[in-house]
Amino acid sequence: MEDCIFCKIVRGEIPSTRVAESQWAIAFEDIAPKAPVHTLVIPKEHIAALHEATDADREMLADCLLLCNEVARIKGVDESGYRVVTSDGPDGGQEVAHLHFHVLGGRKLQFGV
């Protein structure tokens, strides 16, 4: 999608601090972190939200979640614990219409981060 901010990050048109990359996804630092570790994992191809995923997206979704695990290991929170969150649609709190997962950690997290 041409005007999607996350698609522009994937294409390198907007700078980001990349943490990791896999076949189907990239991980980069959130610009407004809510925890000491706050990394976003997004698919390289545009899909607006989780509810738009189909059976054809299974491999991509699994890859995204495995990249979340890799991010936790890279950031050193894989053993102490971390949270993976995705929001779906406006009522779910989704602010960018491109599927993304937040990897949060680095301190004891409460409900709501």
PDB file of N, CA and C in Angstrom:
ATOM      1  N   MET A   1       0.858  -1.170   0.000  1.00  0.00           N
ATOM      2  CA  MET A   1       0.000   0.000   0.000  1.00  0.00           C
ATOM      3  C   MET A   1       0.904   1.233   0.000  1.00  0.00           C
ATOM      4  N   GLU A   2       0.671   2.125  -0.884  1.00  0.00           N
ATOM      5  CA  GLU A   2       1.562   3.262  -1.115  1.00  0.00           C
ATOM      6  C   GLU A   2       1.716   4.207   0.070  1.00  0.00           C
ATOM      7  N   ASP A   3       0.620   4.543   0.765  1.00  0.00           N
ATOM      8  CA  ASP A   3       0.705   5.557   1.811  1.00  0.00           C
ATOM      9  C   ASP A   3       0.785   4.986   3.230  1.00  0.00           C
ATOM     10  N   CYS A   4       0.883   3.670   3.372  1.00  0.00           N
ATOM     11  CA  CYS A   4       0.976   3.029   4.684  1.00  0.00           C
ATOM     12  C   CYS A   4       2.368   3.286   5.280  1.00  0.00           C
ATOM     13  N   ILE A   5       2.405   3.843   6.482  1.00  0.00           N
ATOM     14  CA  ILE A   5       3.684   4.172   7.121  1.00  0.00           C
ATOM     15  C   ILE A   5       4.543   2.923   7.342  1.00  0.00           C
ATOM     16  N   PHE A   6       3.921   1.806   7.708  1.00  0.00           N
ATOM     17  CA  PHE A   6       4.708   0.593   7.930  1.00  0.00           C
ATOM     18  C   PHE A   6       5.225   0.021   6.606  1.00  0.00           C
ATOM     19  N   CYS A   7       4.446   0.131   5.526  1.00  0.00           N
ATOM     20  CA  CYS A   7       4.933  -0.304   4.214  1.00  0.00           C
ATOM     21  C   CYS A   7       6.129   0.544   3.804  1.00  0.00           C
ATOM     22  N   LYS A   8       6.092   1.831   4.130  1.00  0.00           N
ATOM     23  CA  LYS A   8       7.217   2.710   3.813  1.00  0.00           C
ATOM     24  C   LYS A   8       8.455   2.316   4.618  1.00  0.00           C
ATOM     25  N   ILE A   9       8.270   1.872   5.856  1.00  0.00           N
ATOM     26  CA  ILE A   9       9.389   1.393   6.666  1.00  0.00           C
ATOM     27  C   ILE A   9       9.964   0.124   6.044  1.00  0.00           C
ATOM     28  N   VAL A  10       9.097  -0.801   5.622  1.00  0.00           N
ATOM     29  CA  VAL A  10       9.559  -2.032   4.976  1.00  0.00           C
ATOM     30  C   VAL A  10      10.384  -1.704   3.741  1.00  0.00           C
ATOM     31  N   ARG A  11       9.931  -0.741   2.947  1.00  0.00           N
ATOM     32  CA  ARG A  11      10.630  -0.369   1.712  1.00  0.00           C
ATOM     33  C   ARG A  11      11.864   0.500   1.959  1.00  0.00           C
ATOM     34  N   GLY A  12      12.096   0.929   3.202  1.00  0.00           N
ATOM     35  CA  GLY A  12      13.250   1.747   3.528  1.00  0.00           C
ATOM     36  C   GLY A  12      13.056   3.222   3.233  1.00  0.00           C
ATOM     37  N   GLU A  13      11.832   3.633   2.964  1.00  0.00           N
ATOM     38  CA  GLU A  13      11.545   5.041   2.679  1.00  0.00           C
ATOM     39  C   GLU A  13      11.482   5.888   3.949  1.00  0.00           C
ATOM     40  N   ILE A  14      11.197   5.252   5.059  1.00  0.00           N
ATOM     41  CA  ILE A  14      11.194   5.906   6.374  1.00  0.00           C
ATOM     42  C   ILE A  14      12.208   5.154   7.229  1.00  0.00           C
ATOM     43  N   PRO A  15      13.118   5.874   7.884  1.00  0.00           N
ATOM     44  CA  PRO A  15      14.125   5.172   8.697  1.00  0.00           C
ATOM     45  C   PRO A  15      13.503   4.525   9.931  1.00  0.00           C
ATOM     46  N   SER A  16      14.131   3.449  10.344  1.00  0.00           N
ATOM     47  CA  SER A  16      13.729   2.762  11.571  1.00  0.00           C
ATOM     48  C   SER A  16      14.966   2.113  12.164  1.00  0.00           C
ATOM     49  N   THR A  17      14.870   1.806  13.446  1.00  0.00           N
ATOM     50  CA  THR A  17      15.942   1.080  14.114  1.00  0.00           C
ATOM     51  C   THR A  17      15.563  -0.393  14.089  1.00  0.00           C
ATOM     52  N   ARG A  18      16.092  -1.096  13.112  1.00  0.00           N
ATOM     53  CA  ARG A  18      15.742  -2.510  12.937  1.00  0.00           C
ATOM     54  C   ARG A  18      16.441  -3.360  13.985  1.00  0.00           C
ATOM     55  N   VAL A  19      15.687  -4.330  14.448  1.00  0.00           N
ATOM     56  CA  VAL A  19      16.181  -5.249  15.468  1.00  0.00           C
ATOM     57  C   VAL A  19      16.451  -6.623  14.867  1.00  0.00           C
ATOM     58  N   ALA A  20      15.567  -7.053  13.965  1.00  0.00           N
ATOM     59  CA  ALA A  20      15.687  -8.379  13.368  1.00  0.00           C
ATOM     60  C   ALA A  20      14.836  -8.433  12.107  1.00  0.00           C
ATOM     61  N   GLU A  21      15.080  -9.480  11.327  1.00  0.00           N
ATOM     62  CA  GLU A  21      14.319  -9.669  10.091  1.00  0.00           C
ATOM     63  C   GLU A  21      14.219 -11.157   9.821  1.00  0.00           C
ATOM     64  N   SER A  22      13.116 -11.554   9.225  1.00  0.00           N
ATOM     65  CA  SER A  22      12.915 -12.942   8.826  1.00  0.00           C
ATOM     66  C   SER A  22      12.411 -12.949   7.385  1.00  0.00           C
ATOM     67  N   GLN A  23      12.044 -14.103   6.907  1.00  0.00           N
ATOM     68  CA  GLN A  23      11.562 -14.217   5.538  1.00  0.00           C
ATOM     69  C   GLN A  23      10.320 -13.352   5.301  1.00  0.00           C
ATOM     70  N   TRP A  24       9.411 -13.332   6.271  1.00  0.00           N
ATOM     71  CA  TRP A  24       8.112 -12.700   6.080  1.00  0.00           C
ATOM     72  C   TRP A  24       7.924 -11.407   6.857  1.00  0.00           C
ATOM     73  N   ALA A  25       8.847 -11.060   7.758  1.00  0.00           N
ATOM     74  CA  ALA A  25       8.589  -9.949   8.678  1.00  0.00           C
ATOM     75  C   ALA A  25       9.862  -9.189   9.030  1.00  0.00           C
ATOM     76  N   ILE A  26       9.657  -7.989   9.557  1.00  0.00           N
ATOM     77  CA  ILE A  26      10.763  -7.212  10.119  1.00  0.00           C
ATOM     78  C   ILE A  26      10.373  -6.764  11.517  1.00  0.00           C
ATOM     79  N   ALA A  27      11.383  -6.508  12.334  1.00  0.00           N
ATOM     80  CA  ALA A  27      11.184  -6.007  13.692  1.00  0.00           C
ATOM     81  C   ALA A  27      11.988  -4.733  13.843  1.00  0.00           C
ATOM     82  N   PHE A  28      11.360  -3.719  14.437  1.00  0.00           N
ATOM     83  CA  PHE A  28      12.032  -2.438  14.652  1.00  0.00           C
ATOM     84  C   PHE A  28      11.499  -1.797  15.926  1.00  0.00           C
ATOM     85  N   GLU A  29      12.300  -0.865  16.465  1.00  0.00           N
ATOM     86  CA  GLU A  29      11.950  -0.207  17.722  1.00  0.00           C
ATOM     87  C   GLU A  29      10.737   0.705  17.549  1.00  0.00           C
ATOM     88  N   ASP A  30       9.834   0.665  18.526  1.00  0.00           N
ATOM     89  CA  ASP A  30       8.687   1.572  18.540  1.00  0.00           C
ATOM     90  C   ASP A  30       9.183   2.985  18.844  1.00  0.00           C
ATOM     91  N   ILE A  31       8.644   3.991  18.157  1.00  0.00           N
ATOM     92  CA  ILE A  31       9.104   5.369  18.372  1.00  0.00           C
ATOM     93  C   ILE A  31       8.504   6.004  19.621  1.00  0.00           C
ATOM     94  N   ALA A  32       7.491   5.366  20.208  1.00  0.00           N
ATOM     95  CA  ALA A  32       6.885   5.866  21.449  1.00  0.00           C
ATOM     96  C   ALA A  32       6.763   4.697  22.426  1.00  0.00           C
ATOM     97  N   PRO A  33       7.905   4.218  22.950  1.00  0.00           N
ATOM     98  CA  PRO A  33       7.882   3.000  23.768  1.00  0.00           C
ATOM     99  C   PRO A  33       7.063   3.132  25.045  1.00  0.00           C
ATOM    100  N   LYS A  34       6.361   2.037  25.369  1.00  0.00           N
ATOM    101  CA  LYS A  34       5.555   1.958  26.585  1.00  0.00           C
ATOM    102  C   LYS A  34       6.221   1.097  27.652  1.00  0.00           C
ATOM    103  N   ALA A  35       7.389   0.547  27.340  1.00  0.00           N
ATOM    104  CA  ALA A  35       8.160  -0.290  28.267  1.00  0.00           C
ATOM    105  C   ALA A  35       9.626  -0.191  27.838  1.00  0.00           C
ATOM    106  N   PRO A  36      10.550  -0.599  28.710  1.00  0.00           N
ATOM    107  CA  PRO A  36      11.972  -0.554  28.340  1.00  0.00           C
ATOM    108  C   PRO A  36      12.275  -1.299  27.036  1.00  0.00           C
ATOM    109  N   VAL A  37      11.595  -2.409  26.809  1.00  0.00           N
ATOM    110  CA  VAL A  37      11.663  -3.113  25.530  1.00  0.00           C
ATOM    111  C   VAL A  37      10.305  -2.928  24.869  1.00  0.00           C
ATOM    112  N   HIS A  38      10.298  -2.305  23.710  1.00  0.00           N
ATOM    113  CA  HIS A  38       9.061  -2.130  22.946  1.00  0.00           C
ATOM    114  C   HIS A  38       9.435  -2.137  21.473  1.00  0.00           C
ATOM    115  N   THR A  39       9.316  -3.315  20.894  1.00  0.00           N
ATOM    116  CA  THR A  39       9.687  -3.548  19.502  1.00  0.00           C
ATOM    117  C   THR A  39       8.453  -3.981  18.733  1.00  0.00           C
ATOM    118  N   LEU A  40       8.323  -3.485  17.517  1.00  0.00           N
ATOM    119  CA  LEU A  40       7.214  -3.865  16.649  1.00  0.00           C
ATOM    120  C   LEU A  40       7.674  -4.926  15.666  1.00  0.00           C
ATOM    121  N   VAL A  41       6.825  -5.905  15.430  1.00  0.00           N
ATOM    122  CA  VAL A  41       7.061  -6.929  14.421  1.00  0.00           C
ATOM    123  C   VAL A  41       5.925  -6.807  13.411  1.00  0.00           C
ATOM    124  N   ILE A  42       6.293  -6.593  12.134  1.00  0.00           N
ATOM    125  CA  ILE A  42       5.281  -6.403  11.097  1.00  0.00           C
ATOM    126  C   ILE A  42       5.560  -7.312   9.910  1.00  0.00           C
ATOM    127  N   PRO A  43       4.507  -7.790   9.252  1.00  0.00           N
ATOM    128  CA  PRO A  43       4.747  -8.532   8.017  1.00  0.00           C
ATOM    129  C   PRO A  43       5.257  -7.595   6.931  1.00  0.00           C
ATOM    130  N   LYS A  44       6.091  -8.119   6.051  1.00  0.00           N
ATOM    131  CA  LYS A  44       6.637  -7.321   4.961  1.00  0.00           C
ATOM    132  C   LYS A  44       5.565  -6.961   3.932  1.00  0.00           C
ATOM    133  N   GLU A  45       4.592  -7.831   3.772  1.00  0.00           N
ATOM    134  CA  GLU A  45       3.488  -7.548   2.862  1.00  0.00           C
ATOM    135  C   GLU A  45       2.354  -6.911   3.638  1.00  0.00           C
ATOM    136  N   HIS A  46       1.651  -6.000   2.982  1.00  0.00           N
ATOM    137  CA  HIS A  46       0.572  -5.280   3.652  1.00  0.00           C
ATOM    138  C   HIS A  46      -0.630  -6.182   3.900  1.00  0.00           C
ATOM    139  N   ILE A  47      -1.024  -6.254   5.141  1.00  0.00           N
ATOM    140  CA  ILE A  47      -2.305  -6.811   5.553  1.00  0.00           C
ATOM    141  C   ILE A  47      -2.783  -5.852   6.631  1.00  0.00           C
ATOM    142  N   ALA A  48      -3.970  -5.312   6.476  1.00  0.00           N
ATOM    143  CA  ALA A  48      -4.423  -4.215   7.328  1.00  0.00           C
ATOM    144  C   ALA A  48      -4.599  -4.605   8.791  1.00  0.00           C
ATOM    145  N   ALA A  49      -5.127  -5.788   9.041  1.00  0.00           N
ATOM    146  CA  ALA A  49      -5.427  -6.173  10.423  1.00  0.00           C
ATOM    147  C   ALA A  49      -5.535  -7.689  10.520  1.00  0.00           C
ATOM    148  N   LEU A  50      -5.473  -8.199  11.720  1.00  0.00           N
ATOM    149  CA  LEU A  50      -5.528  -9.645  11.935  1.00  0.00           C
ATOM    150  C   LEU A  50      -6.814 -10.250  11.387  1.00  0.00           C
ATOM    151  N   HIS A  51      -7.922  -9.532  11.515  1.00  0.00           N
ATOM    152  CA  HIS A  51      -9.191 -10.101  11.039  1.00  0.00           C
ATOM    153  C   HIS A  51      -9.218 -10.286   9.521  1.00  0.00           C
ATOM    154  N   GLU A  52      -8.271  -9.712   8.804  1.00  0.00           N
ATOM    155  CA  GLU A  52      -8.189  -9.898   7.362  1.00  0.00           C
ATOM    156  C   GLU A  52      -7.314 -11.088   6.969  1.00  0.00           C
ATOM    157  N   ALA A  53      -6.667 -11.712   7.930  1.00  0.00           N
ATOM    158  CA  ALA A  53      -5.817 -12.863   7.647  1.00  0.00           C
ATOM    159  C   ALA A  53      -6.677 -14.045   7.209  1.00  0.00           C
ATOM    160  N   THR A  54      -6.118 -14.837   6.289  1.00  0.00           N
ATOM    161  CA  THR A  54      -6.807 -16.016   5.783  1.00  0.00           C
ATOM    162  C   THR A  54      -5.914 -17.234   5.965  1.00  0.00           C
ATOM    163  N   ASP A  55      -6.408 -18.390   5.555  1.00  0.00           N
ATOM    164  CA  ASP A  55      -5.601 -19.603   5.619  1.00  0.00           C
ATOM    165  C   ASP A  55      -4.292 -19.450   4.854  1.00  0.00           C
ATOM    166  N   ALA A  56      -4.311 -18.658   3.797  1.00  0.00           N
ATOM    167  CA  ALA A  56      -3.099 -18.441   2.998  1.00  0.00           C
ATOM    168  C   ALA A  56      -2.020 -17.684   3.776  1.00  0.00           C
ATOM    169  N   ASP A  57      -2.388 -17.055   4.887  1.00  0.00           N
ATOM    170  CA  ASP A  57      -1.451 -16.263   5.684  1.00  0.00           C
ATOM    171  C   ASP A  57      -0.850 -17.023   6.860  1.00  0.00           C
ATOM    172  N   ARG A  58      -1.139 -18.299   6.985  1.00  0.00           N
ATOM    173  CA  ARG A  58      -0.654 -19.079   8.135  1.00  0.00           C
ATOM    174  C   ARG A  58       0.863 -19.022   8.289  1.00  0.00           C
ATOM    175  N   GLU A  59       1.585 -19.235   7.212  1.00  0.00           N
ATOM    176  CA  GLU A  59       3.049 -19.251   7.287  1.00  0.00           C
ATOM    177  C   GLU A  59       3.586 -17.880   7.707  1.00  0.00           C
ATOM    178  N   MET A  60       3.002 -16.816   7.169  1.00  0.00           N
ATOM    179  CA  MET A  60       3.424 -15.459   7.526  1.00  0.00           C
ATOM    180  C   MET A  60       3.139 -15.175   8.995  1.00  0.00           C
ATOM    181  N   LEU A  61       1.957 -15.583   9.468  1.00  0.00           N
ATOM    182  CA  LEU A  61       1.609 -15.336  10.869  1.00  0.00           C
ATOM    183  C   LEU A  61       2.540 -16.103  11.805  1.00  0.00           C
ATOM    184  N   ALA A  62       2.825 -17.345  11.480  1.00  0.00           N
ATOM    185  CA  ALA A  62       3.750 -18.132  12.301  1.00  0.00           C
ATOM    186  C   ALA A  62       5.134 -17.492  12.297  1.00  0.00           C
ATOM    187  N   ASP A  63       5.572 -17.018  11.147  1.00  0.00           N
ATOM    188  CA  ASP A  63       6.866 -16.364  11.037  1.00  0.00           C
ATOM    189  C   ASP A  63       6.920 -15.113  11.904  1.00  0.00           C
ATOM    190  N   CYS A  64       5.842 -14.331  11.911  1.00  0.00           N
ATOM    191  CA  CYS A  64       5.786 -13.124  12.753  1.00  0.00           C
ATOM    192  C   CYS A  64       5.936 -13.488  14.229  1.00  0.00           C
ATOM    193  N   LEU A  65       5.228 -14.519  14.668  1.00  0.00           N
ATOM    194  CA  LEU A  65       5.305 -14.894  16.080  1.00  0.00           C
ATOM    195  C   LEU A  65       6.681 -15.458  16.435  1.00  0.00           C
ATOM    196  N   LEU A  66       7.273 -16.213  15.542  1.00  0.00           N
ATOM    197  CA  LEU A  66       8.628 -16.705  15.805  1.00  0.00           C
ATOM    198  C   LEU A  66       9.631 -15.559  15.828  1.00  0.00           C
ATOM    199  N   LEU A  67       9.406 -14.530  15.008  1.00  0.00           N
ATOM    200  CA  LEU A  67      10.280 -13.359  15.057  1.00  0.00           C
ATOM    201  C   LEU A  67      10.094 -12.616  16.382  1.00  0.00           C
ATOM    202  N   CYS A  68       8.889 -12.611  16.928  1.00  0.00           N
ATOM    203  CA  CYS A  68       8.680 -12.033  18.265  1.00  0.00           C
ATOM    204  C   CYS A  68       9.554 -12.745  19.289  1.00  0.00           C
ATOM    205  N   ASN A  69       9.625 -14.076  19.207  1.00  0.00           N
ATOM    206  CA  ASN A  69      10.505 -14.841  20.098  1.00  0.00           C
ATOM    207  C   ASN A  69      11.963 -14.439  19.912  1.00  0.00           C
ATOM    208  N   GLU A  70      12.372 -14.261  18.669  1.00  0.00           N
ATOM    209  CA  GLU A  70      13.754 -13.870  18.375  1.00  0.00           C
ATOM    210  C   GLU A  70      14.049 -12.485  18.946  1.00  0.00           C
ATOM    211  N   VAL A  71      13.107 -11.569  18.810  1.00  0.00           N
ATOM    212  CA  VAL A  71      13.273 -10.227  19.374  1.00  0.00           C
ATOM    213  C   VAL A  71      13.462 -10.317  20.888  1.00  0.00           C
ATOM    214  N   ALA A  72      12.639 -11.113  21.555  1.00  0.00           N
ATOM    215  CA  ALA A  72      12.758 -11.266  23.003  1.00  0.00           C
ATOM    216  C   ALA A  72      14.143 -11.783  23.385  1.00  0.00           C
ATOM    217  N   ARG A  73      14.663 -12.734  22.606  1.00  0.00           N
ATOM    218  CA  ARG A  73      16.003 -13.260  22.873  1.00  0.00           C
ATOM    219  C   ARG A  73      17.056 -12.171  22.656  1.00  0.00           C
ATOM    220  N   ILE A  74      16.962 -11.455  21.547  1.00  0.00           N
ATOM    221  CA  ILE A  74      17.925 -10.391  21.241  1.00  0.00           C
ATOM    222  C   ILE A  74      17.901  -9.318  22.329  1.00  0.00           C
ATOM    223  N   LYS A  75      16.724  -8.977  22.801  1.00  0.00           N
ATOM    224  CA  LYS A  75      16.565  -7.919  23.803  1.00  0.00           C
ATOM    225  C   LYS A  75      16.814  -8.397  25.230  1.00  0.00           C
ATOM    226  N   GLY A  76      17.022  -9.699  25.400  1.00  0.00           N
ATOM    227  CA  GLY A  76      17.361 -10.231  26.719  1.00  0.00           C
ATOM    228  C   GLY A  76      16.193 -10.391  27.671  1.00  0.00           C
ATOM    229  N   VAL A  77      14.982 -10.508  27.138  1.00  0.00           N
ATOM    230  CA  VAL A  77      13.816 -10.680  28.014  1.00  0.00           C
ATOM    231  C   VAL A  77      13.163 -12.047  27.825  1.00  0.00           C
ATOM    232  N   ASP A  78      13.803 -12.912  27.055  1.00  0.00           N
ATOM    233  CA  ASP A  78      13.217 -14.215  26.771  1.00  0.00           C
ATOM    234  C   ASP A  78      13.063 -15.080  28.018  1.00  0.00           C
ATOM    235  N   GLU A  79      13.933 -14.919  28.987  1.00  0.00           N
ATOM    236  CA  GLU A  79      13.832 -15.731  30.202  1.00  0.00           C
ATOM    237  C   GLU A  79      13.064 -15.039  31.312  1.00  0.00           C
ATOM    238  N   SER A  80      13.164 -13.718  31.409  1.00  0.00           N
ATOM    239  CA  SER A  80      12.447 -12.990  32.466  1.00  0.00           C
ATOM    240  C   SER A  80      10.973 -12.824  32.137  1.00  0.00           C
ATOM    241  N   GLY A  81      10.632 -12.824  30.859  1.00  0.00           N
ATOM    242  CA  GLY A  81       9.244 -12.733  30.435  1.00  0.00           C
ATOM    243  C   GLY A  81       8.983 -11.492  29.608  1.00  0.00           C
ATOM    244  N   TYR A  82       8.022 -11.615  28.743  1.00  0.00           N
ATOM    245  CA  TYR A  82       7.645 -10.520  27.852  1.00  0.00           C
ATOM    246  C   TYR A  82       6.203 -10.719  27.412  1.00  0.00           C
ATOM    247  N   ARG A  83       5.665  -9.715  26.777  1.00  0.00           N
ATOM    248  CA  ARG A  83       4.286  -9.755  26.296  1.00  0.00           C
ATOM    249  C   ARG A  83       4.288  -9.483  24.797  1.00  0.00           C
ATOM    250  N   VAL A  84       3.439 -10.216  24.076  1.00  0.00           N
ATOM    251  CA  VAL A  84       3.203  -9.966  22.659  1.00  0.00           C
ATOM    252  C   VAL A  84       1.743  -9.564  22.517  1.00  0.00           C
ATOM    253  N   VAL A  85       1.514  -8.383  21.915  1.00  0.00           N
ATOM    254  CA  VAL A  85       0.166  -7.821  21.814  1.00  0.00           C
ATOM    255  C   VAL A  85      -0.091  -7.399  20.379  1.00  0.00           C
ATOM    256  N   THR A  86      -1.311  -7.633  19.914  1.00  0.00           N
ATOM    257  CA  THR A  86      -1.759  -7.039  18.665  1.00  0.00           C
ATOM    258  C   THR A  86      -3.150  -6.469  18.890  1.00  0.00           C
ATOM    259  N   SER A  87      -3.426  -5.366  18.246  1.00  0.00           N
ATOM    260  CA  SER A  87      -4.740  -4.738  18.317  1.00  0.00           C
ATOM    261  C   SER A  87      -5.382  -4.877  16.946  1.00  0.00           C
ATOM    262  N   ASP A  88      -6.703  -5.061  16.930  1.00  0.00           N
ATOM    263  CA  ASP A  88      -7.407  -5.276  15.674  1.00  0.00           C
ATOM    264  C   ASP A  88      -8.552  -4.290  15.540  1.00  0.00           C
ATOM    265  N   GLY A  89      -8.425  -3.399  14.582  1.00  0.00           N
ATOM    266  CA  GLY A  89      -9.492  -2.443  14.296  1.00  0.00           C
ATOM    267  C   GLY A  89      -9.538  -1.288  15.275  1.00  0.00           C
ATOM    268  N   PRO A  90     -10.302  -0.263  14.930  1.00  0.00           N
ATOM    269  CA  PRO A  90     -10.374   0.954  15.752  1.00  0.00           C
ATOM    270  C   PRO A  90     -10.836   0.690  17.191  1.00  0.00           C
ATOM    271  N   ASP A  91     -11.849  -0.138  17.374  1.00  0.00           N
ATOM    272  CA  ASP A  91     -12.330  -0.405  18.728  1.00  0.00           C
ATOM    273  C   ASP A  91     -11.341  -1.239  19.536  1.00  0.00           C
ATOM    274  N   GLY A  92     -10.450  -1.949  18.861  1.00  0.00           N
ATOM    275  CA  GLY A  92      -9.411  -2.715  19.536  1.00  0.00           C
ATOM    276  C   GLY A  92      -8.175  -1.892  19.844  1.00  0.00           C
ATOM    277  N   GLY A  93      -8.181  -0.623  19.407  1.00  0.00           N
ATOM    278  CA  GLY A  93      -7.055   0.265  19.680  1.00  0.00           C
ATOM    279  C   GLY A  93      -5.989   0.274  18.609  1.00  0.00           C
ATOM    280  N   GLN A  94      -6.257  -0.318  17.438  1.00  0.00           N
ATOM    281  CA  GLN A  94      -5.265  -0.325  16.367  1.00  0.00           C
ATOM    282  C   GLN A  94      -5.130   1.083  15.798  1.00  0.00           C
ATOM    283  N   GLU A  95      -3.906   1.612  15.823  1.00  0.00           N
ATOM    284  CA  GLU A  95      -3.647   2.973  15.351  1.00  0.00           C
ATOM    285  C   GLU A  95      -3.084   3.022  13.938  1.00  0.00           C
ATOM    286  N   VAL A  96      -2.392   1.983  13.508  1.00  0.00           N
ATOM    287  CA  VAL A  96      -1.839   1.914  12.155  1.00  0.00           C
ATOM    288  C   VAL A  96      -2.485   0.719  11.459  1.00  0.00           C
ATOM    289  N   ALA A  97      -3.072   0.962  10.302  1.00  0.00           N
ATOM    290  CA  ALA A  97      -3.798  -0.087   9.577  1.00  0.00           C
ATOM    291  C   ALA A  97      -2.832  -0.977   8.795  1.00  0.00           C
ATOM    292  N   HIS A  98      -1.939  -1.613   9.519  1.00  0.00           N
ATOM    293  CA  HIS A  98      -1.019  -2.627   9.001  1.00  0.00           C
ATOM    294  C   HIS A  98      -0.798  -3.568  10.179  1.00  0.00           C
ATOM    295  N   LEU A  99      -1.086  -4.838   9.988  1.00  0.00           N
ATOM    296  CA  LEU A  99      -0.936  -5.805  11.066  1.00  0.00           C
ATOM    297  C   LEU A  99       0.421  -5.646  11.730  1.00  0.00           C
ATOM    298  N   HIS A 100       0.437  -5.590  13.050  1.00  0.00           N
ATOM    299  CA  HIS A 100       1.702  -5.514  13.771  1.00  0.00           C
ATOM    300  C   HIS A 100       1.542  -6.091  15.168  1.00  0.00           C
ATOM    301  N   PHE A 101       2.656  -6.571  15.680  1.00  0.00           N
ATOM    302  CA  PHE A 101       2.735  -7.161  17.009  1.00  0.00           C
ATOM    303  C   PHE A 101       3.699  -6.335  17.838  1.00  0.00           C
ATOM    304  N   HIS A 102       3.323  -6.023  19.065  1.00  0.00           N
ATOM    305  CA  HIS A 102       4.186  -5.309  20.001  1.00  0.00           C
ATOM    306  C   HIS A 102       4.857  -6.353  20.887  1.00  0.00           C
ATOM    307  N   VAL A 103       6.174  -6.303  20.989  1.00  0.00           N
ATOM    308  CA  VAL A 103       6.923  -7.128  21.935  1.00  0.00           C
ATOM    309  C   VAL A 103       7.341  -6.191  23.059  1.00  0.00           C
ATOM    310  N   LEU A 104       6.811  -6.442  24.249  1.00  0.00           N
ATOM    311  CA  LEU A 104       7.013  -5.562  25.403  1.00  0.00           C
ATOM    312  C   LEU A 104       7.688  -6.324  26.534  1.00  0.00           C
ATOM    313  N   GLY A 105       8.620  -5.675  27.202  1.00  0.00           N
ATOM    314  CA  GLY A 105       9.286  -6.310  28.339  1.00  0.00           C
ATOM    315  C   GLY A 105      10.290  -5.383  28.967  1.00  0.00           C
ATOM    316  N   GLY A 106      11.132  -5.959  29.809  1.00  0.00           N
ATOM    317  CA  GLY A 106      12.165  -5.185  30.459  1.00  0.00           C
ATOM    318  C   GLY A 106      11.804  -4.712  31.846  1.00  0.00           C
ATOM    319  N   ARG A 107      10.574  -4.988  32.278  1.00  0.00           N
ATOM    320  CA  ARG A 107      10.119  -4.699  33.629  1.00  0.00           C
ATOM    321  C   ARG A 107       8.871  -5.533  33.877  1.00  0.00           C
ATOM    322  N   LYS A 108       8.430  -5.568  35.131  1.00  0.00           N
ATOM    323  CA  LYS A 108       7.196  -6.276  35.457  1.00  0.00           C
ATOM    324  C   LYS A 108       6.041  -5.516  34.809  1.00  0.00           C
ATOM    325  N   LEU A 109       5.321  -6.189  33.942  1.00  0.00           N
ATOM    326  CA  LEU A 109       4.229  -5.541  33.225  1.00  0.00           C
ATOM    327  C   LEU A 109       2.912  -5.732  33.971  1.00  0.00           C
ATOM    328  N   GLN A 110       2.134  -4.694  33.980  1.00  0.00           N
ATOM    329  CA  GLN A 110       0.782  -4.729  34.544  1.00  0.00           C
ATOM    330  C   GLN A 110      -0.202  -4.889  33.405  1.00  0.00           C
ATOM    331  N   PHE A 111      -1.456  -5.150  33.719  1.00  0.00           N
ATOM    332  CA  PHE A 111      -2.479  -5.200  32.684  1.00  0.00           C
ATOM    333  C   PHE A 111      -2.542  -3.837  32.001  1.00  0.00           C
ATOM    334  N   GLY A 112      -2.555  -3.828  30.667  1.00  0.00           N
ATOM    335  CA  GLY A 112      -2.550  -2.570  29.933  1.00  0.00           C
ATOM    336  C   GLY A 112      -1.138  -2.035  29.704  1.00  0.00           C
ATOM    337  N   VAL A 113      -0.136  -2.767  30.022  1.00  0.00           N
ATOM    338  CA  VAL A 113       1.290  -2.479  29.860  1.00  0.00           C
ATOM    339  C   VAL A 113       1.812  -1.956  31.154  1.00  0.00           C
TER     340      VAL A 113
END
